[in-house]
Protein backbone atom coordinates (compact mmCIF):
# COMPACT_ATOMS: atom_id res chain seq x y z
CA MET A 1 -66.58 -76.68 -52.25
CA HIS A 2 -67.18 -74.36 -55.20
CA SER A 3 -65.02 -71.12 -55.55
CA GLY A 4 -66.21 -68.55 -53.10
CA GLN A 5 -63.74 -66.51 -53.83
CA PHE A 6 -63.68 -62.94 -56.00
CA LYS A 7 -64.52 -63.60 -59.28
CA MET A 8 -61.63 -61.32 -61.35
CA HIS A 9 -63.99 -59.43 -63.87
CA GLY A 10 -62.12 -58.30 -67.35
CA THR A 11 -58.19 -58.77 -67.40
CA GLN A 12 -56.00 -58.60 -63.87
CA ALA A 13 -53.80 -55.60 -65.47
CA LYS A 14 -56.64 -53.65 -64.85
CA ARG A 15 -56.86 -54.22 -60.92
CA PRO A 16 -53.93 -52.71 -59.05
CA SER A 17 -51.12 -55.51 -57.41
CA PHE A 18 -51.34 -56.11 -53.75
CA ALA A 19 -47.98 -54.18 -53.67
CA THR A 20 -49.42 -51.20 -55.52
CA TRP A 21 -52.96 -51.61 -53.31
CA SER A 22 -51.41 -51.56 -50.10
CA SER A 23 -49.15 -48.84 -50.55
CA LEU A 24 -52.07 -46.94 -51.46
CA GLN A 25 -53.41 -47.97 -48.39
CA GLY A 26 -50.55 -46.46 -46.33
CA ILE A 27 -48.96 -49.62 -45.71
CA ASN A 28 -45.18 -49.10 -45.27
CA THR A 29 -42.36 -51.76 -45.00
CA ASP A 30 -38.66 -51.74 -44.28
CA GLY A 31 -36.24 -54.69 -45.03
CA ILE A 32 -39.05 -57.45 -45.76
CA ASP A 33 -41.18 -58.43 -48.65
CA TYR A 34 -43.63 -61.31 -49.54
CA GLN A 35 -43.33 -63.86 -51.93
CA ARG A 36 -44.88 -67.76 -52.17
CA ILE A 37 -43.56 -69.99 -49.73
CA PRO A 38 -43.63 -73.56 -51.44
CA GLY A 39 -46.49 -75.70 -49.73
CA ARG A 40 -47.41 -72.82 -47.29
CA GLY A 41 -48.70 -70.05 -49.47
CA PHE A 42 -47.43 -66.65 -48.96
CA GLY A 43 -44.88 -65.54 -46.37
CA VAL A 44 -42.56 -62.78 -45.64
CA VAL A 45 -39.00 -62.95 -46.34
CA ALA A 46 -35.73 -60.39 -45.14
CA ARG A 47 -34.67 -58.50 -48.13
CA ARG A 48 -31.63 -57.42 -46.20
CA ARG A 49 -30.10 -58.74 -42.69
CA LEU A 50 -32.46 -57.42 -40.07
CA LYS A 51 -31.34 -55.80 -36.83
CA ALA A 52 -33.27 -56.69 -33.39
CA GLY A 53 -35.94 -54.64 -32.12
CA GLU A 54 -36.57 -52.51 -35.62
CA GLN A 55 -39.94 -51.67 -36.98
CA LEU A 56 -40.43 -54.07 -40.16
CA VAL A 57 -44.02 -53.00 -41.24
CA SER A 58 -46.45 -50.09 -40.14
CA VAL A 59 -50.20 -50.96 -41.19
CA PRO A 60 -52.23 -47.37 -40.23
CA LEU A 61 -55.85 -47.97 -38.76
CA SER A 62 -57.71 -47.11 -41.84
CA ALA A 63 -56.33 -50.20 -43.61
CA LEU A 64 -57.95 -52.89 -41.11
CA LEU A 65 -61.26 -54.46 -41.83
CA THR A 66 -63.23 -54.43 -38.27
CA VAL A 67 -66.82 -54.25 -38.05
CA ASP A 68 -66.45 -50.36 -38.27
CA ASN A 69 -66.35 -51.22 -42.10
CA VAL A 70 -69.20 -53.00 -42.30
CA PRO A 71 -72.50 -50.68 -42.72
CA ALA A 72 -74.74 -50.01 -39.80
CA ARG A 73 -77.82 -51.04 -41.33
CA VAL A 74 -75.80 -54.75 -42.67
CA ARG A 75 -74.92 -54.88 -38.87
CA LYS A 76 -78.85 -54.57 -37.35
CA GLN A 77 -79.72 -56.51 -40.00
CA HIS A 78 -77.58 -59.64 -38.70
CA GLY A 79 -78.92 -59.20 -35.45
CA SER A 80 -76.96 -61.26 -32.62
CA ILE A 81 -74.19 -62.91 -34.74
CA SER A 82 -70.85 -63.02 -34.17
CA VAL A 83 -67.92 -60.66 -35.57
CA HIS A 84 -66.44 -63.34 -37.15
CA GLY A 85 -69.72 -64.52 -39.01
CA LEU A 86 -70.64 -60.72 -39.73
CA LEU A 87 -66.95 -60.36 -41.14
CA ALA A 88 -67.34 -63.06 -43.31
CA SER A 89 -71.15 -62.12 -44.63
CA PHE A 90 -69.89 -59.10 -45.38
CA LEU A 91 -66.57 -60.02 -47.38
CA ALA A 92 -69.31 -62.94 -49.18
CA PHE A 93 -72.23 -60.60 -50.09
CA GLY A 94 -71.28 -57.14 -49.24
CA GLU A 95 -71.72 -54.27 -51.79
CA ASN A 96 -68.44 -52.96 -53.61
CA VAL A 97 -66.87 -55.37 -51.70
CA GLU A 98 -64.63 -56.82 -54.49
CA LYS A 99 -63.86 -53.77 -55.62
CA THR A 100 -62.37 -52.50 -52.76
CA TYR A 101 -60.37 -55.60 -51.16
CA ALA A 102 -59.73 -57.58 -54.66
CA PRO A 103 -56.14 -56.78 -54.67
CA TRP A 104 -55.67 -58.33 -50.90
CA ALA A 105 -57.67 -61.10 -52.02
CA SER A 106 -55.27 -62.23 -54.38
CA THR A 107 -52.90 -63.05 -51.53
CA TRP A 108 -55.46 -64.99 -49.47
CA PRO A 109 -55.69 -68.75 -49.68
CA THR A 110 -57.53 -70.81 -52.52
CA VAL A 111 -60.13 -73.08 -51.79
CA SER A 112 -58.62 -75.89 -52.40
CA ASP A 113 -55.92 -74.35 -49.86
CA LEU A 114 -58.52 -74.28 -47.51
CA CYS A 115 -60.01 -77.59 -48.16
CA GLY A 116 -56.96 -79.78 -48.31
CA SER A 117 -55.70 -78.19 -45.23
CA LEU A 118 -58.03 -78.06 -42.61
CA PRO A 119 -60.02 -80.77 -40.78
CA LEU A 120 -63.35 -79.27 -41.08
CA CYS A 121 -63.34 -79.39 -44.86
CA TRP A 122 -61.21 -82.54 -45.27
CA PRO A 123 -62.94 -84.51 -48.10
CA GLN A 124 -63.85 -88.19 -46.99
CA TYR A 125 -64.66 -91.11 -49.13
CA GLY A 126 -68.29 -91.88 -49.09
CA ALA A 127 -69.08 -89.54 -46.89
CA PRO A 128 -72.44 -86.83 -47.11
CA THR A 129 -71.61 -83.64 -49.00
CA LEU A 130 -69.60 -80.99 -46.99
CA THR A 131 -72.52 -79.10 -46.59
CA GLU A 132 -74.38 -82.02 -45.42
CA ARG A 133 -71.62 -82.61 -42.97
CA LEU A 134 -71.23 -79.03 -41.53
CA LEU A 135 -74.86 -78.06 -41.44
CA ASP A 136 -76.38 -80.82 -40.10
CA GLU A 137 -75.51 -81.93 -36.10
CA SER A 138 -76.82 -85.48 -36.69
CA VAL A 139 -74.26 -86.41 -39.57
CA LEU A 140 -70.94 -87.48 -37.75
CA ASP A 141 -68.70 -90.07 -39.58
CA GLU A 142 -67.88 -92.28 -36.39
CA ASP A 143 -64.92 -93.68 -38.66
CA LEU A 144 -63.15 -90.42 -38.82
CA VAL A 145 -64.03 -89.85 -34.99
CA LEU A 146 -61.82 -92.65 -34.18
CA LEU A 147 -59.06 -91.62 -36.09
CA LEU A 148 -58.43 -87.84 -35.02
CA PRO A 149 -56.52 -86.85 -31.63
CA PRO A 150 -58.45 -86.22 -28.51
CA ALA A 151 -58.59 -82.77 -28.74
CA ILE A 152 -59.94 -82.53 -31.72
CA GLU A 153 -62.94 -84.56 -31.19
CA CYS A 154 -63.53 -85.39 -27.55
CA PRO A 155 -63.40 -89.15 -27.10
CA ALA A 156 -66.57 -90.39 -24.65
CA VAL A 157 -65.27 -91.65 -21.16
CA GLY A 158 -66.66 -94.00 -18.56
CA ALA A 159 -65.82 -95.90 -16.20
CA ALA A 160 -64.25 -99.39 -16.63
CA GLY A 161 -66.85 -102.12 -17.61
CA SER A 162 -69.74 -99.39 -18.13
CA ALA A 163 -70.96 -97.70 -21.03
CA PRO A 164 -68.99 -94.39 -22.26
CA ARG A 165 -70.86 -91.24 -21.45
CA SER A 166 -70.50 -88.05 -23.31
CA ASP A 167 -68.12 -85.57 -22.21
CA LYS A 168 -69.10 -82.39 -21.45
CA ARG A 169 -66.43 -80.44 -23.07
CA CYS A 170 -66.11 -80.40 -26.79
CA GLY A 171 -63.46 -81.04 -28.90
CA LEU A 172 -61.88 -78.38 -30.92
CA LEU A 173 -63.57 -79.40 -34.36
CA GLN A 174 -67.24 -79.48 -32.87
CA THR A 175 -66.37 -76.23 -31.13
CA GLN A 176 -65.87 -74.88 -34.84
CA ARG A 177 -68.58 -76.55 -36.35
CA ARG A 178 -70.99 -75.38 -33.56
CA LYS A 179 -69.83 -71.44 -34.46
CA LEU A 180 -69.81 -71.92 -38.41
CA ARG A 181 -73.49 -73.17 -37.99
CA ALA A 182 -74.62 -70.41 -35.59
CA ASP A 183 -73.19 -68.19 -37.76
CA TRP A 184 -75.07 -69.19 -41.07
CA GLN A 185 -78.03 -69.42 -38.99
CA ALA A 186 -77.95 -65.68 -38.35
CA VAL A 187 -77.02 -64.87 -42.09
CA SER A 188 -79.58 -67.52 -43.62
CA ARG A 189 -82.12 -66.12 -41.74
CA ILE A 190 -82.06 -62.41 -43.62
CA MET A 191 -80.56 -64.30 -47.21
CA PRO A 192 -82.56 -67.39 -47.75
CA ASN A 193 -81.09 -67.79 -51.10
CA ALA A 194 -77.32 -66.91 -50.30
CA SER A 195 -74.75 -69.71 -51.29
CA PHE A 196 -73.27 -71.59 -48.01
CA GLU A 197 -70.05 -72.70 -49.74
CA SER A 198 -69.43 -69.15 -50.93
CA TYR A 199 -70.27 -68.04 -47.26
CA LEU A 200 -67.92 -70.83 -46.19
CA TYR A 201 -64.73 -69.91 -47.90
CA PHE A 202 -64.96 -66.33 -46.19
CA TRP A 203 -65.71 -67.40 -42.99
CA LEU A 204 -62.71 -69.44 -43.34
CA VAL A 205 -60.52 -66.76 -44.75
CA VAL A 206 -61.67 -64.46 -41.81
CA ASN A 207 -60.79 -67.51 -39.03
CA THR A 208 -57.42 -68.02 -40.53
CA ARG A 209 -56.33 -64.43 -40.98
CA SER A 210 -57.70 -62.76 -38.21
CA PHE A 211 -55.92 -60.82 -35.34
CA TYR A 212 -57.12 -60.09 -31.78
CA TYR A 213 -57.99 -56.08 -31.98
CA GLU A 214 -59.34 -53.45 -29.49
CA MET A 215 -60.93 -51.02 -30.92
CA PRO A 216 -59.68 -47.42 -29.97
CA ASN A 217 -61.47 -44.47 -28.06
CA VAL A 218 -63.98 -46.99 -26.48
CA LYS A 219 -64.61 -47.25 -22.83
CA THR A 220 -66.08 -51.56 -23.38
CA GLN A 221 -64.48 -53.15 -25.50
CA PRO A 222 -66.33 -56.18 -26.82
CA SER A 223 -65.77 -59.78 -25.71
CA ARG A 224 -62.68 -61.49 -26.70
CA GLU A 225 -64.20 -63.10 -29.26
CA GLY A 226 -65.25 -59.70 -30.42
CA CYS A 227 -61.91 -58.28 -30.60
CA MET A 228 -61.25 -59.55 -34.04
CA ALA A 229 -59.59 -57.15 -37.32
CA MET A 230 -57.98 -58.54 -40.42
CA VAL A 231 -55.05 -56.91 -41.09
CA PRO A 232 -53.16 -56.61 -44.27
CA PHE A 233 -49.72 -57.54 -44.99
CA ILE A 234 -49.35 -58.34 -41.46
CA ASP A 235 -51.57 -61.79 -42.29
CA LEU A 236 -48.74 -62.65 -44.65
CA PHE A 237 -46.67 -63.54 -41.69
CA ASN A 238 -46.28 -67.46 -41.17
CA HIS A 239 -46.17 -69.07 -37.68
CA SER A 240 -43.25 -70.19 -35.41
CA ASP A 241 -43.80 -71.06 -31.73
CA SER A 242 -41.37 -68.25 -30.78
CA GLY A 243 -41.46 -65.97 -33.63
CA SER A 244 -38.63 -65.00 -35.58
CA ASP A 245 -35.51 -65.52 -33.08
CA HIS A 246 -33.79 -61.92 -33.63
CA ALA A 247 -30.45 -63.01 -31.89
CA LEU A 248 -30.19 -65.02 -35.12
CA ARG A 249 -30.42 -61.74 -37.13
CA PRO A 250 -32.32 -63.14 -40.24
CA GLU A 251 -30.14 -62.54 -43.55
CA ALA A 252 -31.68 -61.27 -47.03
CA GLY A 253 -33.90 -64.32 -48.27
CA ASP A 254 -34.60 -65.98 -44.27
CA GLU A 255 -38.06 -66.22 -43.90
CA VAL A 256 -39.59 -63.87 -40.74
CA TYR A 257 -42.26 -65.31 -38.85
CA VAL A 258 -44.40 -64.12 -36.07
CA SER A 259 -45.99 -66.49 -33.09
CA TYR A 260 -49.80 -66.76 -33.27
CA GLY A 261 -49.71 -67.83 -29.39
CA PRO A 262 -48.98 -70.52 -27.24
CA HIS A 263 -50.79 -73.03 -29.00
CA SER A 264 -50.85 -76.84 -29.06
CA ASN A 265 -50.29 -78.52 -32.71
CA ASP A 266 -54.11 -79.95 -32.51
CA PHE A 267 -54.98 -76.12 -31.90
CA LEU A 268 -52.65 -74.96 -34.94
CA LEU A 269 -54.25 -77.78 -37.24
CA VAL A 270 -58.00 -77.01 -36.88
CA GLU A 271 -57.72 -73.11 -36.89
CA TYR A 272 -55.45 -72.62 -39.52
CA GLY A 273 -54.61 -76.00 -41.17
CA PHE A 274 -50.75 -77.16 -40.12
CA ILE A 275 -48.61 -78.35 -37.70
CA LEU A 276 -45.23 -77.94 -36.26
CA ASP A 277 -42.59 -80.24 -36.55
CA ASN A 278 -41.00 -79.03 -33.37
CA ASN A 279 -43.65 -76.94 -30.74
CA ARG A 280 -42.38 -75.73 -27.50
CA TRP A 281 -46.36 -75.30 -26.37
CA ASP A 282 -47.27 -78.67 -27.79
CA SER A 283 -50.09 -80.62 -25.26
CA THR A 284 -52.63 -83.54 -25.81
CA PRO A 285 -55.61 -83.92 -23.32
CA ILE A 286 -56.04 -87.22 -21.42
CA ASP A 287 -59.41 -86.69 -20.19
CA HIS A 288 -60.41 -90.08 -22.17
CA ILE A 289 -57.99 -91.89 -20.06
CA LEU A 290 -58.27 -90.49 -16.66
CA MET A 291 -61.87 -90.16 -16.60
CA GLY A 292 -62.14 -93.68 -16.75
CA TYR A 293 -60.84 -93.90 -13.24
CA LEU A 294 -63.04 -91.11 -12.00
CA VAL A 295 -66.65 -91.79 -13.52
CA ASP A 296 -69.08 -92.86 -10.91
CA THR A 297 -66.48 -92.75 -7.81
CA PRO A 298 -66.29 -90.63 -5.08
CA ALA A 299 -63.29 -89.06 -6.50
CA GLU A 300 -65.42 -87.36 -8.81
CA GLU A 301 -67.21 -85.25 -6.59
CA GLN A 302 -64.33 -84.65 -4.84
CA LEU A 303 -62.77 -83.47 -7.68
CA GLN A 304 -65.65 -81.34 -8.49
CA GLN A 305 -65.96 -79.58 -5.59
CA ALA A 306 -62.59 -78.27 -5.37
CA GLY A 307 -62.27 -77.28 -9.36
CA TYR A 308 -60.00 -80.09 -10.51
CA LEU A 309 -62.61 -81.97 -12.85
CA GLY A 310 -61.36 -82.35 -16.28
CA ASP A 311 -59.11 -80.33 -18.28
CA TYR A 312 -55.92 -83.13 -18.06
CA ALA A 313 -53.18 -83.08 -20.22
CA VAL A 314 -49.59 -84.07 -21.19
CA THR A 315 -47.14 -81.32 -21.81
CA ARG A 316 -43.75 -80.79 -22.80
CA ASP A 317 -42.90 -80.17 -19.56
CA GLY A 318 -44.69 -83.33 -18.22
CA VAL A 319 -48.37 -84.09 -16.69
CA CYS A 320 -50.08 -80.84 -15.85
CA TRP A 321 -50.77 -79.97 -12.16
CA ARG A 322 -54.66 -80.75 -12.40
CA THR A 323 -53.53 -83.97 -13.56
CA GLU A 324 -51.40 -84.41 -10.61
CA VAL A 325 -54.05 -83.60 -8.40
CA ALA A 326 -56.59 -85.82 -9.73
CA VAL A 327 -54.00 -88.68 -9.89
CA HIS A 328 -53.45 -88.59 -6.17
CA THR A 329 -57.52 -88.87 -5.28
CA GLN A 330 -56.12 -92.88 -6.56
CA THR A 331 -53.41 -92.82 -4.55
CA LEU A 332 -53.94 -91.21 -1.04
CA THR A 333 -56.82 -91.02 1.63
CA ASP A 334 -58.99 -88.18 1.53
CA SER A 335 -57.47 -86.33 4.34
CA ALA A 336 -53.69 -86.54 2.91
CA TRP A 337 -55.42 -85.67 -0.84
CA LYS A 338 -56.84 -82.53 1.03
CA ARG A 339 -53.31 -81.57 2.61
CA PHE A 340 -51.67 -82.13 -0.54
CA THR A 341 -53.83 -79.76 -2.77
CA GLN A 342 -53.51 -77.32 0.04
CA GLY A 343 -49.56 -77.39 -0.16
CA LEU A 344 -49.13 -78.82 3.31
CA ASP A 345 -46.88 -82.00 4.30
CA VAL A 346 -48.72 -85.65 3.13
CA ASP A 347 -47.93 -88.10 5.79
CA ASP A 348 -47.17 -90.90 3.04
CA ASP A 349 -43.59 -90.96 2.26
CA ASP A 350 -44.21 -92.82 -0.66
CA TYR A 351 -46.85 -91.44 -2.27
CA GLU A 352 -44.94 -89.81 -4.95
CA ARG A 353 -43.63 -92.91 -6.45
CA LYS A 354 -47.13 -94.15 -6.36
CA GLY A 355 -48.20 -91.34 -8.25
CA GLU A 356 -45.55 -91.43 -10.72
CA VAL A 357 -46.45 -95.39 -11.24
CA PHE A 358 -50.06 -94.46 -11.56
CA ILE A 359 -49.30 -91.94 -14.23
CA ARG A 360 -46.75 -94.24 -16.20
CA ASN A 361 -48.84 -97.14 -16.26
CA ASN A 362 -52.33 -95.83 -16.37
CA LEU A 363 -52.28 -92.70 -18.34
CA LEU A 364 -48.78 -92.49 -20.56
CA GLU A 365 -48.91 -96.44 -21.54
CA PRO A 366 -52.39 -96.25 -22.46
CA LEU A 367 -51.86 -93.25 -24.82
CA ARG A 368 -48.70 -94.16 -26.41
CA ARG A 369 -50.76 -97.64 -27.21
CA GLU A 370 -53.33 -95.36 -28.68
CA ALA A 371 -51.28 -93.21 -30.84
CA GLU A 372 -49.57 -96.20 -32.38
CA GLN A 373 -52.96 -97.92 -32.74
CA ARG A 374 -54.32 -95.08 -34.42
CA SER A 375 -51.04 -94.28 -36.61
CA LYS A 376 -51.60 -98.27 -37.79
CA GLN A 377 -55.32 -97.66 -38.73
CA LEU A 378 -54.55 -94.38 -40.72
CA HIS A 379 -52.01 -96.57 -42.82
CA ASN A 380 -54.68 -98.91 -44.05
CA SER A 381 -57.55 -96.21 -43.85
CA ILE A 382 -59.68 -95.25 -46.96
CA VAL A 383 -61.91 -92.58 -44.91
CA LEU A 384 -59.45 -89.66 -45.60
CA ALA A 385 -57.46 -88.60 -48.93
CA VAL A 386 -53.64 -88.96 -48.97
CA ASN A 387 -52.63 -85.79 -47.73
CA PRO A 388 -54.95 -85.44 -44.57
CA ARG A 389 -54.00 -89.01 -43.70
CA GLN A 390 -50.34 -88.26 -43.45
CA VAL A 391 -51.01 -85.05 -41.59
CA LEU A 392 -52.80 -87.30 -38.95
CA ILE A 393 -50.10 -90.13 -38.88
CA GLN A 394 -47.68 -87.42 -38.06
CA ARG A 395 -49.71 -85.56 -35.34
CA TRP A 396 -50.04 -89.18 -33.62
CA LYS A 397 -46.32 -89.58 -34.06
CA GLN A 398 -45.97 -86.77 -31.94
CA ILE A 399 -48.66 -87.78 -29.02
CA ARG A 400 -46.76 -91.04 -28.99
CA ALA A 401 -43.27 -89.13 -28.50
CA LEU A 402 -45.01 -86.93 -25.91
CA SER A 403 -45.94 -89.85 -24.22
CA GLU A 404 -42.67 -91.61 -23.94
CA LYS A 405 -41.04 -88.07 -23.27
CA THR A 406 -43.01 -87.59 -20.38
CA ALA A 407 -42.49 -91.17 -18.75
CA ASP A 408 -38.51 -90.49 -19.18
CA LEU A 409 -39.17 -87.47 -17.21
CA LEU A 410 -40.58 -89.23 -14.46
CA PRO A 411 -38.18 -89.92 -11.57
CA GLY A 412 -36.85 -93.81 -11.31
CA HIS A 413 -38.31 -94.01 -15.16
CA ASN A 414 -35.92 -97.28 -15.09
CA GLY A 415 -36.77 -98.34 -11.90
CA ASN A 416 -40.05 -100.20 -10.29
CA GLN A 417 -42.96 -99.72 -12.66
CA ASN A 418 -44.90 -102.31 -10.96
CA GLY A 419 -48.40 -101.72 -9.09
CA LEU A 420 -49.08 -99.65 -6.08
């Protein structure tokens, strides 16, 4: 991907530093500073011991980058484009944007940073160009899809012995591709000679550095996806699953974190380009396994009518409730299953054990084997460069550990594991 970053004309000394620029915008900090963190771009560190509850940074509304910064005529030209897509177009092609935002942009990730960390842009040996892969929906590297975790690219599902059918859900990566294509379609319609690669860079910058933001003094807020703003300095904080633990009182030199939300490692990888070693919110979907027992059976219609078809997951706390409901279509009679979903007593003293055996043998063990197999395939794969390959190996190891831990949480995990 060619550089879409702002080109620095003249000498760097003629431009204010980000620290100077942010001060001119009215941004105030207390007890913290920003610096490069090895392997992770910029981050925020404490300059002194921090106290619980103290305000570390304030950013005036005037410093935010929102749709209000985009001229009305430009907003009108773009028509029905997402806020995300509009902000990216404004940064890539807007008038006087470089002059206004270049000091702030000096803290943003580079093209190589983004391409090396985000699955959307991972270079693939022998594959079509990045532009072809992202804009042509028919271009799909099946070898790569098989190596990605199920949350990132949803595998096809099907009953045992039958041809797989497409899952109605989209994986995180496919959803992201579709958003990008829709936004670029709106931009290229009004700017047919615009550079897609330049646009892509700023689209990824907006995606990785935006915050949820509700417009002040507005009676009707836009959709959740439309509540988006870029916030200077705040965007330098890195993520942890619980933010900074102020009970530990960060000392001078310690990195200070915020939480981007209760996200799984698959989500963090696709949206931000990293995974956590230990993530309290981690989970993995198992629809591609469980749906094999439900497709084209009475249980599929039964779950559809009850609102429990799909969205099955293994979490750090075990399998989700939706999974338990679906599993018990395999262990209970129809009448007993209805009572179970209503929270009533079930006339089957052994149904819990049956469900646990099914979960262990038919869901968790296949998930463990899948994770093990994918890790081995990645070790021998030439589809991806070394760094993305190592990230995926680590992710599959986490998924395997998740399946094993969940099996250990099941009552009697050292006991009878035979069939129903």
